[in-house]
Amino acid sequence: MRNQDVSQWKVAVLGAGSMGQCIAQFMAMNSHQVFLYNRTPSNLANALVQMENNLQTLVSLGQMKAGDIPDIMNRIAGSSDLKGSVEQADIVIENLAESEEVKKNIFTQLDEYCDKDVILSSDTSTMDIFSFLEVSHPERLVITHFFNPAHVMPLVELVRGPETSDEVAGATKHFLEDTGKQVAVLNKCIPGFILNRITLSVFREAAHLVESGVATPEDIDKAVTSTFGPRYTFEGPFGLSDFAGIDIYERLATLLPPVLCSDTECPKLLHKMVQEGKLGVKSGEGFYRYDDEKAARRDRDSKIMKMLAAIQEVNKRG
């Protein structure tokens, strides 16, 4: 590593979309100098406005002081010059399109522009970048999968490639934890990593119940948010099974798998909704209706932050 003090690392974030801007904002909130790259200047300008709006929301929720906003924004330098954006960085976090061609192109340039000690990471949520990226120092290549909104959600999945060095994996984990993130390490890359696999497994069964006429989306959401939703804020599936009883889980795992959904294709329900233009919050309607996208996202983020604050308080008190 060029700099052993992870608190002083300079961070290059590539891509100023919703995820990239949230990661850039989060790093700046944690006192890191950030270089935000996007090839389209207007997208950069919009991202800077959105980040300031996000900070104002945090102020309104009592999460930070208004007087801190100028210092945070001053730590973020936006640029459409890739080389200039990465040449000072200790770690690069790529957030561009989920396309092999796009990622091959950008990482080929990073391989040329970045010193061999610079960590190169991708925020891909599904792709095995290690199978197709060709870099001269593959030991410095990792996946850092953030969750939206990245300036709020605590988790990052850290995925090692077959040639990722222990030094790089350890330094990346230390860096992320120093910013306050919770880090789940995957020792090998698998499609969907941890959370997307679990999320889609749950959704597949939920969609099957709806398609089979067993229950409505509203009642399924109610069942989840009123039971293991609260539990999962402090115990995962293995902790939950300990309290339920391993013998109980053994019996359930013997009886239920034969009758659970095992479809290997996308639920028809989703295809139908996409065809009807019901894409969720961004289109105004999904399983629920939304009159104002910004208001809906602000309300969702507010609830997440209040919940996380409550969890921290519970953990402090024990």
C-alpha atoms as a PDB file:
ATOM      1  CA  MET A   1       0.000   0.000   0.000  1.00  0.00           C
ATOM      2  CA  ARG A   2       1.257   3.497  -0.775  1.00  0.00           C
ATOM      3  CA  ASN A   3      -0.153   4.809   2.496  1.00  0.00           C
ATOM      4  CA  GLN A   4      -0.411   2.512   5.517  1.00  0.00           C
ATOM      5  CA  ASP A   5      -2.744   4.958   7.304  1.00  0.00           C
ATOM      6  CA  VAL A   6      -6.138   4.051   5.840  1.00  0.00           C
ATOM      7  CA  SER A   7      -7.751   7.111   7.432  1.00  0.00           C
ATOM      8  CA  GLN A   8      -5.711   9.249   5.036  1.00  0.00           C
ATOM      9  CA  TRP A   9      -6.499   7.319   1.873  1.00  0.00           C
ATOM     10  CA  LYS A  10      -7.618   9.293  -1.152  1.00  0.00           C
ATOM     11  CA  VAL A  11     -10.560   7.702  -2.938  1.00  0.00           C
ATOM     12  CA  ALA A  12     -11.434   7.768  -6.632  1.00  0.00           C
ATOM     13  CA  VAL A  13     -15.064   6.926  -7.387  1.00  0.00           C
ATOM     14  CA  LEU A  14     -15.867   6.181 -11.022  1.00  0.00           C
ATOM     15  CA  GLY A  15     -19.447   6.856 -12.035  1.00  0.00           C
ATOM     16  CA  ALA A  16     -21.718   9.605 -10.701  1.00  0.00           C
ATOM     17  CA  GLY A  17     -24.994   7.696 -10.758  1.00  0.00           C
ATOM     18  CA  SER A  18     -27.051   7.091  -7.629  1.00  0.00           C
ATOM     19  CA  MET A  19     -24.602   4.554  -6.175  1.00  0.00           C
ATOM     20  CA  GLY A  20     -21.429   6.396  -7.142  1.00  0.00           C
ATOM     21  CA  GLN A  21     -22.605   9.696  -5.709  1.00  0.00           C
ATOM     22  CA  CYS A  22     -23.668   8.052  -2.436  1.00  0.00           C
ATOM     23  CA  ILE A  23     -20.289   6.319  -2.075  1.00  0.00           C
ATOM     24  CA  ALA A  24     -18.463   9.571  -2.836  1.00  0.00           C
ATOM     25  CA  GLN A  25     -20.599  11.425  -0.307  1.00  0.00           C
ATOM     26  CA  PHE A  26     -20.036   8.751   2.341  1.00  0.00           C
ATOM     27  CA  MET A  27     -16.265   8.825   1.890  1.00  0.00           C
ATOM     28  CA  ALA A  28     -16.213  12.626   2.090  1.00  0.00           C
ATOM     29  CA  MET A  29     -18.348  12.495   5.244  1.00  0.00           C
ATOM     30  CA  ASN A  30     -15.602  10.332   6.725  1.00  0.00           C
ATOM     31  CA  SER A  31     -12.908  12.924   5.964  1.00  0.00           C
ATOM     32  CA  HIS A  32     -11.513  11.314   2.805  1.00  0.00           C
ATOM     33  CA  GLN A  33     -10.474  13.350  -0.215  1.00  0.00           C
ATOM     34  CA  VAL A  34     -12.678  12.080  -3.057  1.00  0.00           C
ATOM     35  CA  PHE A  35     -12.206  12.290  -6.813  1.00  0.00           C
ATOM     36  CA  LEU A  36     -15.542  11.655  -8.529  1.00  0.00           C
ATOM     37  CA  TYR A  37     -15.262  10.768 -12.215  1.00  0.00           C
ATOM     38  CA  ASN A  38     -17.967  10.820 -14.857  1.00  0.00           C
ATOM     39  CA  ARG A  39     -17.396  11.376 -18.551  1.00  0.00           C
ATOM     40  CA  THR A  40     -20.496  13.589 -18.810  1.00  0.00           C
ATOM     41  CA  PRO A  41     -20.070  16.991 -17.071  1.00  0.00           C
ATOM     42  CA  SER A  42     -23.830  17.518 -16.690  1.00  0.00           C
ATOM     43  CA  ASN A  43     -24.114  14.222 -14.783  1.00  0.00           C
ATOM     44  CA  LEU A  44     -21.334  15.361 -12.473  1.00  0.00           C
ATOM     45  CA  ALA A  45     -23.118  18.641 -11.822  1.00  0.00           C
ATOM     46  CA  ASN A  46     -26.369  16.820 -11.062  1.00  0.00           C
ATOM     47  CA  ALA A  47     -24.539  14.428  -8.729  1.00  0.00           C
ATOM     48  CA  LEU A  48     -23.019  17.278  -6.733  1.00  0.00           C
ATOM     49  CA  VAL A  49     -26.461  18.858  -6.330  1.00  0.00           C
ATOM     50  CA  GLN A  50     -27.960  15.540  -5.225  1.00  0.00           C
ATOM     51  CA  MET A  51     -25.176  14.950  -2.694  1.00  0.00           C
ATOM     52  CA  GLU A  52     -25.782  18.348  -1.147  1.00  0.00           C
ATOM     53  CA  ASN A  53     -29.516  17.556  -1.005  1.00  0.00           C
ATOM     54  CA  ASN A  54     -28.690  14.260   0.730  1.00  0.00           C
ATOM     55  CA  LEU A  55     -26.617  16.120   3.297  1.00  0.00           C
ATOM     56  CA  GLN A  56     -29.448  18.579   3.913  1.00  0.00           C
ATOM     57  CA  THR A  57     -31.734  15.596   4.551  1.00  0.00           C
ATOM     58  CA  LEU A  58     -29.260  14.270   7.120  1.00  0.00           C
ATOM     59  CA  VAL A  59     -29.281  17.684   8.806  1.00  0.00           C
ATOM     60  CA  SER A  60     -33.093  17.711   8.928  1.00  0.00           C
ATOM     61  CA  LEU A  61     -32.995  14.294  10.595  1.00  0.00           C
ATOM     62  CA  GLY A  62     -30.485  15.455  13.188  1.00  0.00           C
ATOM     63  CA  GLN A  63     -27.745  13.174  11.830  1.00  0.00           C
ATOM     64  CA  MET A  64     -25.246  15.991  11.234  1.00  0.00           C
ATOM     65  CA  LYS A  65     -24.763  19.756  11.505  1.00  0.00           C
ATOM     66  CA  ALA A  66     -25.501  22.140   8.655  1.00  0.00           C
ATOM     67  CA  GLY A  67     -22.148  23.816   9.241  1.00  0.00           C
ATOM     68  CA  ASP A  68     -20.350  20.606   8.229  1.00  0.00           C
ATOM     69  CA  ILE A  69     -21.789  20.557   4.710  1.00  0.00           C
ATOM     70  CA  PRO A  70     -19.297  22.975   3.069  1.00  0.00           C
ATOM     71  CA  ASP A  71     -16.281  21.025   4.345  1.00  0.00           C
ATOM     72  CA  ILE A  72     -17.756  17.733   3.146  1.00  0.00           C
ATOM     73  CA  MET A  73     -18.559  19.083  -0.315  1.00  0.00           C
ATOM     74  CA  ASN A  74     -15.108  20.669  -0.582  1.00  0.00           C
ATOM     75  CA  ARG A  75     -13.555  17.219  -0.194  1.00  0.00           C
ATOM     76  CA  ILE A  76     -15.265  16.056  -3.408  1.00  0.00           C
ATOM     77  CA  ALA A  77     -13.604  16.993  -6.693  1.00  0.00           C
ATOM     78  CA  GLY A  78     -15.658  16.155  -9.774  1.00  0.00           C
ATOM     79  CA  SER A  79     -13.928  15.600 -13.100  1.00  0.00           C
ATOM     80  CA  SER A  80     -14.444  14.162 -16.579  1.00  0.00           C
ATOM     81  CA  ASP A  81     -10.716  13.403 -16.826  1.00  0.00           C
ATOM     82  CA  LEU A  82     -10.147   9.764 -15.847  1.00  0.00           C
ATOM     83  CA  LYS A  83      -6.375   9.941 -15.529  1.00  0.00           C
ATOM     84  CA  GLY A  84      -6.545  13.073 -13.390  1.00  0.00           C
ATOM     85  CA  SER A  85      -9.222  11.490 -11.202  1.00  0.00           C
ATOM     86  CA  VAL A  86      -7.208   8.386 -10.312  1.00  0.00           C
ATOM     87  CA  GLU A  87      -3.545   9.403 -10.307  1.00  0.00           C
ATOM     88  CA  GLN A  88      -3.576  10.457  -6.622  1.00  0.00           C
ATOM     89  CA  ALA A  89      -5.912   7.717  -5.374  1.00  0.00           C
ATOM     90  CA  ASP A  90      -5.031   4.984  -2.889  1.00  0.00           C
ATOM     91  CA  ILE A  91      -8.163   3.037  -3.848  1.00  0.00           C
ATOM     92  CA  VAL A  92     -10.396   3.229  -6.923  1.00  0.00           C
ATOM     93  CA  ILE A  93     -14.065   2.202  -6.655  1.00  0.00           C
ATOM     94  CA  GLU A  94     -15.693   1.585 -10.042  1.00  0.00           C
ATOM     95  CA  ASN A  95     -19.488   2.052 -10.358  1.00  0.00           C
ATOM     96  CA  LEU A  96     -20.044   1.972 -14.110  1.00  0.00           C
ATOM     97  CA  ALA A  97     -22.477  -0.075 -16.206  1.00  0.00           C
ATOM     98  CA  GLU A  98     -22.791  -3.825 -15.583  1.00  0.00           C
ATOM     99  CA  SER A  99     -21.147  -4.646 -18.893  1.00  0.00           C
ATOM    100  CA  GLU A 100     -18.025  -6.704 -19.577  1.00  0.00           C
ATOM    101  CA  GLU A 101     -17.041  -4.349 -22.381  1.00  0.00           C
ATOM    102  CA  VAL A 102     -17.375  -1.244 -20.193  1.00  0.00           C
ATOM    103  CA  LYS A 103     -15.450  -2.772 -17.304  1.00  0.00           C
ATOM    104  CA  LYS A 104     -12.692  -4.196 -19.520  1.00  0.00           C
ATOM    105  CA  ASN A 105     -12.209  -0.780 -21.088  1.00  0.00           C
ATOM    106  CA  ILE A 106     -12.079   1.148 -17.807  1.00  0.00           C
ATOM    107  CA  PHE A 107      -9.824  -1.320 -15.978  1.00  0.00           C
ATOM    108  CA  THR A 108      -7.400  -1.420 -18.910  1.00  0.00           C
ATOM    109  CA  GLN A 109      -7.040   2.340 -18.488  1.00  0.00           C
ATOM    110  CA  LEU A 110      -6.753   2.041 -14.701  1.00  0.00           C
ATOM    111  CA  ASP A 111      -3.988  -0.517 -15.158  1.00  0.00           C
ATOM    112  CA  GLU A 112      -2.098   2.087 -17.156  1.00  0.00           C
ATOM    113  CA  TYR A 113      -2.840   5.153 -15.029  1.00  0.00           C
ATOM    114  CA  CYS A 114      -2.584   3.747 -11.480  1.00  0.00           C
ATOM    115  CA  ASP A 115       0.551   2.839  -9.574  1.00  0.00           C
ATOM    116  CA  LYS A 116       0.835  -0.910  -8.845  1.00  0.00           C
ATOM    117  CA  ASP A 117       0.129  -0.281  -5.133  1.00  0.00           C
ATOM    118  CA  VAL A 118      -3.281   1.288  -5.799  1.00  0.00           C
ATOM    119  CA  ILE A 119      -6.217  -0.998  -4.958  1.00  0.00           C
ATOM    120  CA  LEU A 120      -8.641  -1.447  -7.849  1.00  0.00           C
ATOM    121  CA  SER A 121     -12.180  -2.363  -6.818  1.00  0.00           C
ATOM    122  CA  SER A 122     -15.542  -2.740  -8.506  1.00  0.00           C
ATOM    123  CA  ASP A 123     -18.967  -2.141  -6.976  1.00  0.00           C
ATOM    124  CA  THR A 124     -20.539  -4.734  -9.278  1.00  0.00           C
ATOM    125  CA  SER A 125     -23.523  -6.467  -7.721  1.00  0.00           C
ATOM    126  CA  THR A 126     -23.554  -9.572  -9.916  1.00  0.00           C
ATOM    127  CA  MET A 127     -20.500  -9.938 -12.148  1.00  0.00           C
ATOM    128  CA  ASP A 128     -17.436 -12.149 -11.689  1.00  0.00           C
ATOM    129  CA  ILE A 129     -14.952  -9.515 -12.814  1.00  0.00           C
ATOM    130  CA  PHE A 130     -12.030 -11.812 -12.008  1.00  0.00           C
ATOM    131  CA  SER A 131     -12.997 -14.115 -14.885  1.00  0.00           C
ATOM    132  CA  PHE A 132     -12.613 -11.491 -17.613  1.00  0.00           C
ATOM    133  CA  LEU A 133     -10.548  -8.522 -16.407  1.00  0.00           C
ATOM    134  CA  GLU A 134      -6.908  -8.588 -17.424  1.00  0.00           C
ATOM    135  CA  VAL A 135      -4.697  -6.386 -15.262  1.00  0.00           C
ATOM    136  CA  SER A 136      -0.944  -6.535 -14.783  1.00  0.00           C
ATOM    137  CA  HIS A 137      -1.286  -6.862 -10.997  1.00  0.00           C
ATOM    138  CA  PRO A 138      -4.372  -9.039 -10.321  1.00  0.00           C
ATOM    139  CA  GLU A 139      -3.381  -9.297  -6.666  1.00  0.00           C
ATOM    140  CA  ARG A 140      -4.735  -5.760  -6.155  1.00  0.00           C
ATOM    141  CA  LEU A 141      -8.167  -6.481  -7.639  1.00  0.00           C
ATOM    142  CA  VAL A 142     -11.235  -6.825  -5.357  1.00  0.00           C
ATOM    143  CA  ILE A 143     -15.002  -6.345  -5.383  1.00  0.00           C
ATOM    144  CA  THR A 144     -16.495  -3.907  -2.873  1.00  0.00           C
ATOM    145  CA  HIS A 145     -20.271  -4.261  -3.150  1.00  0.00           C
ATOM    146  CA  PHE A 146     -22.069  -1.397  -1.403  1.00  0.00           C
ATOM    147  CA  PHE A 147     -25.824  -1.268  -0.808  1.00  0.00           C
ATOM    148  CA  ASN A 148     -28.142   1.574  -1.756  1.00  0.00           C
ATOM    149  CA  PRO A 149     -28.253   4.169  -0.283  1.00  0.00           C
ATOM    150  CA  ALA A 150     -24.520   3.664   0.278  1.00  0.00           C
ATOM    151  CA  HIS A 151     -24.159   6.648   2.616  1.00  0.00           C
ATOM    152  CA  VAL A 152     -26.728   5.040   4.942  1.00  0.00           C
ATOM    153  CA  MET A 153     -26.588   1.240   4.663  1.00  0.00           C
ATOM    154  CA  PRO A 154     -23.799  -0.196   6.844  1.00  0.00           C
ATOM    155  CA  LEU A 155     -22.846  -3.298   4.851  1.00  0.00           C
ATOM    156  CA  VAL A 156     -20.199  -3.799   2.182  1.00  0.00           C
ATOM    157  CA  GLU A 157     -19.547  -7.226   0.687  1.00  0.00           C
ATOM    158  CA  LEU A 158     -15.808  -7.649   0.108  1.00  0.00           C
ATOM    159  CA  VAL A 159     -15.149 -10.318  -2.516  1.00  0.00           C
ATOM    160  CA  ARG A 160     -11.690 -11.758  -3.089  1.00  0.00           C
ATOM    161  CA  GLY A 161     -10.558 -13.001  -6.473  1.00  0.00           C
ATOM    162  CA  PRO A 162      -8.377 -16.084  -6.986  1.00  0.00           C
ATOM    163  CA  GLU A 163      -5.253 -13.905  -7.061  1.00  0.00           C
ATOM    164  CA  THR A 164      -6.243 -11.175  -4.569  1.00  0.00           C
ATOM    165  CA  SER A 165      -3.448 -10.882  -2.012  1.00  0.00           C
ATOM    166  CA  ASP A 166      -4.012 -11.168   1.725  1.00  0.00           C
ATOM    167  CA  GLU A 167      -2.444  -7.725   2.067  1.00  0.00           C
ATOM    168  CA  VAL A 168      -4.920  -6.102  -0.324  1.00  0.00           C
ATOM    169  CA  ALA A 169      -7.947  -7.901   1.141  1.00  0.00           C
ATOM    170  CA  GLY A 170      -6.874  -7.006   4.678  1.00  0.00           C
ATOM    171  CA  ALA A 171      -6.124  -3.371   3.862  1.00  0.00           C
ATOM    172  CA  THR A 172      -9.441  -2.941   2.029  1.00  0.00           C
ATOM    173  CA  LYS A 173     -11.348  -4.447   4.945  1.00  0.00           C
ATOM    174  CA  HIS A 174      -9.470  -2.203   7.402  1.00  0.00           C
ATOM    175  CA  PHE A 175     -10.196   0.857   5.256  1.00  0.00           C
ATOM    176  CA  LEU A 176     -13.925   0.109   5.018  1.00  0.00           C
ATOM    177  CA  GLU A 177     -14.230  -0.651   8.725  1.00  0.00           C
ATOM    178  CA  ASP A 178     -12.402   2.577   9.513  1.00  0.00           C
ATOM    179  CA  THR A 179     -15.254   4.448   7.783  1.00  0.00           C
ATOM    180  CA  GLY A 180     -17.769   2.619   9.983  1.00  0.00           C
ATOM    181  CA  LYS A 181     -18.892  -0.001   7.484  1.00  0.00           C
ATOM    182  CA  GLN A 182     -19.717  -3.581   8.416  1.00  0.00           C
ATOM    183  CA  VAL A 183     -17.748  -5.858   6.089  1.00  0.00           C
ATOM    184  CA  ALA A 184     -18.800  -9.363   5.014  1.00  0.00           C
ATOM    185  CA  VAL A 185     -15.887 -11.169   3.347  1.00  0.00           C
ATOM    186  CA  LEU A 186     -16.374 -13.708   0.553  1.00  0.00           C
ATOM    187  CA  ASN A 187     -13.300 -15.858  -0.005  1.00  0.00           C
ATOM    188  CA  LYS A 188     -14.362 -16.619  -3.564  1.00  0.00           C
ATOM    189  CA  CYS A 189     -16.613 -14.996  -6.138  1.00  0.00           C
ATOM    190  CA  ILE A 190     -20.029 -16.554  -6.728  1.00  0.00           C
ATOM    191  CA  PRO A 191     -22.939 -15.074  -8.733  1.00  0.00           C
ATOM    192  CA  GLY A 192     -24.985 -12.712  -6.573  1.00  0.00           C
ATOM    193  CA  PHE A 193     -22.536 -12.867  -3.646  1.00  0.00           C
ATOM    194  CA  ILE A 194     -24.307 -13.288  -0.268  1.00  0.00           C
ATOM    195  CA  LEU A 195     -27.135 -10.775  -0.019  1.00  0.00           C
ATOM    196  CA  ASN A 196     -28.492 -10.887  -3.558  1.00  0.00           C
ATOM    197  CA  ARG A 197     -28.668 -14.679  -3.407  1.00  0.00           C
ATOM    198  CA  ILE A 198     -30.594 -14.608  -0.129  1.00  0.00           C
ATOM    199  CA  THR A 199     -32.785 -11.706  -1.286  1.00  0.00           C
ATOM    200  CA  LEU A 200     -33.725 -13.434  -4.549  1.00  0.00           C
ATOM    201  CA  SER A 201     -34.365 -16.735  -2.758  1.00  0.00           C
ATOM    202  CA  VAL A 202     -36.861 -14.989  -0.481  1.00  0.00           C
ATOM    203  CA  PHE A 203     -38.431 -13.078  -3.382  1.00  0.00           C
ATOM    204  CA  ARG A 204     -38.777 -16.229  -5.500  1.00  0.00           C
ATOM    205  CA  GLU A 205     -40.842 -17.896  -2.764  1.00  0.00           C
ATOM    206  CA  ALA A 206     -42.845 -14.700  -2.120  1.00  0.00           C
ATOM    207  CA  ALA A 207     -43.656 -14.302  -5.830  1.00  0.00           C
ATOM    208  CA  HIS A 208     -44.650 -17.973  -5.994  1.00  0.00           C
ATOM    209  CA  LEU A 209     -47.103 -17.465  -3.112  1.00  0.00           C
ATOM    210  CA  VAL A 210     -48.662 -14.482  -4.913  1.00  0.00           C
ATOM    211  CA  GLU A 211     -48.864 -16.278  -8.276  1.00  0.00           C
ATOM    212  CA  SER A 212     -50.428 -19.305  -6.557  1.00  0.00           C
ATOM    213  CA  GLY A 213     -53.128 -17.153  -4.948  1.00  0.00           C
ATOM    214  CA  VAL A 214     -51.952 -17.986  -1.432  1.00  0.00           C
ATOM    215  CA  ALA A 215     -51.535 -14.374  -0.282  1.00  0.00           C
ATOM    216  CA  THR A 216     -51.314 -10.797  -1.537  1.00  0.00           C
ATOM    217  CA  PRO A 217     -48.061  -8.804  -1.742  1.00  0.00           C
ATOM    218  CA  GLU A 218     -49.384  -6.631   1.098  1.00  0.00           C
ATOM    219  CA  ASP A 219     -49.925  -9.579   3.439  1.00  0.00           C
ATOM    220  CA  ILE A 220     -46.589 -11.157   2.571  1.00  0.00           C
ATOM    221  CA  ASP A 221     -44.815  -7.851   3.283  1.00  0.00           C
ATOM    222  CA  LYS A 222     -46.749  -7.602   6.547  1.00  0.00           C
ATOM    223  CA  ALA A 223     -45.680 -11.118   7.550  1.00  0.00           C
ATOM    224  CA  VAL A 224     -42.018 -10.389   6.831  1.00  0.00           C
ATOM    225  CA  THR A 225     -41.794  -6.922   8.395  1.00  0.00           C
ATOM    226  CA  SER A 226     -43.652  -8.078  11.505  1.00  0.00           C
ATOM    227  CA  THR A 227     -41.481 -11.135  12.235  1.00  0.00           C
ATOM    228  CA  PHE A 228     -38.008 -11.817  10.960  1.00  0.00           C
ATOM    229  CA  GLY A 229     -37.710  -8.241   9.688  1.00  0.00           C
ATOM    230  CA  PRO A 230     -37.125  -6.861  13.209  1.00  0.00           C
ATOM    231  CA  ARG A 231     -35.179  -9.966  14.240  1.00  0.00           C
ATOM    232  CA  TYR A 232     -32.770  -9.695  11.337  1.00  0.00           C
ATOM    233  CA  THR A 233     -31.625  -6.290  12.585  1.00  0.00           C
ATOM    234  CA  PHE A 234     -29.650  -8.013  15.326  1.00  0.00           C
ATOM    235  CA  GLU A 235     -29.466 -11.725  14.439  1.00  0.00           C
ATOM    236  CA  GLY A 236     -28.992 -13.435  11.099  1.00  0.00           C
ATOM    237  CA  PRO A 237     -30.388 -16.786   9.936  1.00  0.00           C
ATOM    238  CA  PHE A 238     -27.871 -18.784  11.966  1.00  0.00           C
ATOM    239  CA  GLY A 239     -28.406 -16.811  15.167  1.00  0.00           C
ATOM    240  CA  LEU A 240     -32.162 -17.083  14.639  1.00  0.00           C
ATOM    241  CA  SER A 241     -31.909 -20.853  14.211  1.00  0.00           C
ATOM    242  CA  ASP A 242     -30.007 -21.121  17.500  1.00  0.00           C
ATOM    243  CA  PHE A 243     -32.891 -19.482  19.362  1.00  0.00           C
ATOM    244  CA  ALA A 244     -35.574 -21.425  17.505  1.00  0.00           C
ATOM    245  CA  GLY A 245     -33.699 -24.673  18.116  1.00  0.00           C
ATOM    246  CA  ILE A 246     -31.485 -26.557  15.683  1.00  0.00           C
ATOM    247  CA  ASP A 247     -33.710 -29.615  16.091  1.00  0.00           C
ATOM    248  CA  ILE A 248     -36.738 -27.519  15.043  1.00  0.00           C
ATOM    249  CA  TYR A 249     -34.858 -26.261  11.990  1.00  0.00           C
ATOM    250  CA  GLU A 250     -33.796 -29.807  11.153  1.00  0.00           C
ATOM    251  CA  ARG A 251     -37.446 -30.875  11.106  1.00  0.00           C
ATOM    252  CA  LEU A 252     -38.535 -27.855   9.020  1.00  0.00           C
ATOM    253  CA  ALA A 253     -35.634 -28.374   6.614  1.00  0.00           C
ATOM    254  CA  THR A 254     -36.749 -31.974   6.176  1.00  0.00           C
ATOM    255  CA  LEU A 255     -40.455 -31.269   5.631  1.00  0.00           C
ATOM    256  CA  LEU A 256     -40.559 -28.006   3.637  1.00  0.00           C
ATOM    257  CA  PRO A 257     -37.960 -28.165   0.816  1.00  0.00           C
ATOM    258  CA  PRO A 258     -40.056 -30.534  -1.347  1.00  0.00           C
ATOM    259  CA  VAL A 259     -42.936 -28.029  -1.396  1.00  0.00           C
ATOM    260  CA  LEU A 260     -40.919 -24.812  -1.750  1.00  0.00           C
ATOM    261  CA  CYS A 261     -40.598 -23.035  -5.079  1.00  0.00           C
ATOM    262  CA  SER A 262     -37.617 -24.341  -7.038  1.00  0.00           C
ATOM    263  CA  ASP A 263     -38.175 -22.450 -10.298  1.00  0.00           C
ATOM    264  CA  THR A 264     -35.005 -21.601 -12.207  1.00  0.00           C
ATOM    265  CA  GLU A 265     -36.608 -18.866 -14.322  1.00  0.00           C
ATOM    266  CA  CYS A 266     -37.709 -15.322 -13.516  1.00  0.00           C
ATOM    267  CA  PRO A 267     -41.207 -15.171 -11.959  1.00  0.00           C
ATOM    268  CA  LYS A 268     -43.897 -14.469 -14.573  1.00  0.00           C
ATOM    269  CA  LEU A 269     -45.200 -11.798 -12.221  1.00  0.00           C
ATOM    270  CA  LEU A 270     -42.096  -9.676 -12.837  1.00  0.00           C
ATOM    271  CA  HIS A 271     -42.230 -10.059 -16.629  1.00  0.00           C
ATOM    272  CA  LYS A 272     -45.867  -8.922 -16.599  1.00  0.00           C
ATOM    273  CA  MET A 273     -45.133  -5.854 -14.473  1.00  0.00           C
ATOM    274  CA  VAL A 274     -42.192  -4.801 -16.643  1.00  0.00           C
ATOM    275  CA  GLN A 275     -44.339  -5.114 -19.769  1.00  0.00           C
ATOM    276  CA  GLU A 276     -46.966  -2.911 -18.108  1.00  0.00           C
ATOM    277  CA  GLY A 277     -44.355  -0.294 -17.186  1.00  0.00           C
ATOM    278  CA  LYS A 278     -44.789  -0.883 -13.462  1.00  0.00           C
ATOM    279  CA  LEU A 279     -41.129  -0.538 -12.513  1.00  0.00           C
ATOM    280  CA  GLY A 280     -41.499   0.547  -8.904  1.00  0.00           C
ATOM    281  CA  VAL A 281     -40.752   3.910  -7.329  1.00  0.00           C
ATOM    282  CA  LYS A 282     -39.022   5.290 -10.443  1.00  0.00           C
ATOM    283  CA  SER A 283     -42.162   4.821 -12.592  1.00  0.00           C
ATOM    284  CA  GLY A 284     -44.681   5.744  -9.903  1.00  0.00           C
ATOM    285  CA  GLU A 285     -46.055   2.238  -9.511  1.00  0.00           C
ATOM    286  CA  GLY A 286     -44.803  -1.250  -8.740  1.00  0.00           C
ATOM    287  CA  PHE A 287     -46.489  -3.456  -6.185  1.00  0.00           C
ATOM    288  CA  TYR A 288     -47.527  -0.145  -4.576  1.00  0.00           C
ATOM    289  CA  ARG A 289     -48.245   3.361  -5.933  1.00  0.00           C
ATOM    290  CA  TYR A 290     -45.938   6.367  -5.431  1.00  0.00           C
ATOM    291  CA  ASP A 291     -47.025   9.933  -6.148  1.00  0.00           C
ATOM    292  CA  ASP A 292     -43.593  11.517  -5.679  1.00  0.00           C
ATOM    293  CA  GLU A 293     -40.369   9.553  -6.275  1.00  0.00           C
ATOM    294  CA  LYS A 294     -38.124  11.944  -4.346  1.00  0.00           C
ATOM    295  CA  ALA A 295     -40.503  12.061  -1.390  1.00  0.00           C
ATOM    296  CA  ALA A 296     -40.797   8.266  -1.376  1.00  0.00           C
ATOM    297  CA  ARG A 297     -37.027   7.788  -1.388  1.00  0.00           C
ATOM    298  CA  ARG A 298     -36.554  10.459   1.272  1.00  0.00           C
ATOM    299  CA  ASP A 299     -39.146   8.774   3.477  1.00  0.00           C
ATOM    300  CA  ARG A 300     -37.516   5.361   2.957  1.00  0.00           C
ATOM    301  CA  ASP A 301     -34.024   6.705   3.754  1.00  0.00           C
ATOM    302  CA  SER A 302     -35.351   8.519   6.823  1.00  0.00           C
ATOM    303  CA  LYS A 303     -36.865   5.307   8.162  1.00  0.00           C
ATOM    304  CA  ILE A 304     -33.623   3.406   7.568  1.00  0.00           C
ATOM    305  CA  MET A 305     -31.566   6.020   9.416  1.00  0.00           C
ATOM    306  CA  LYS A 306     -33.980   6.140  12.355  1.00  0.00           C
ATOM    307  CA  MET A 307     -33.969   2.346  12.538  1.00  0.00           C
ATOM    308  CA  LEU A 308     -30.163   2.173  12.467  1.00  0.00           C
ATOM    309  CA  ALA A 309     -29.945   4.816  15.195  1.00  0.00           C
ATOM    310  CA  ALA A 310     -32.389   2.819  17.318  1.00  0.00           C
ATOM    311  CA  ILE A 311     -30.393  -0.380  16.776  1.00  0.00           C
ATOM    312  CA  GLN A 312     -27.183   1.365  17.844  1.00  0.00           C
ATOM    313  CA  GLU A 313     -28.914   2.584  20.995  1.00  0.00           C
ATOM    314  CA  VAL A 314     -30.203  -0.920  21.764  1.00  0.00           C
ATOM    315  CA  ASN A 315     -26.728  -2.385  21.258  1.00  0.00           C
ATOM    316  CA  LYS A 316     -25.210   0.236  23.576  1.00  0.00           C
ATOM    317  CA  ARG A 317     -27.656  -0.574  26.350  1.00  0.00           C
ATOM    318  CA  GLY A 318     -27.376  -4.328  25.798  1.00  0.00           C
END
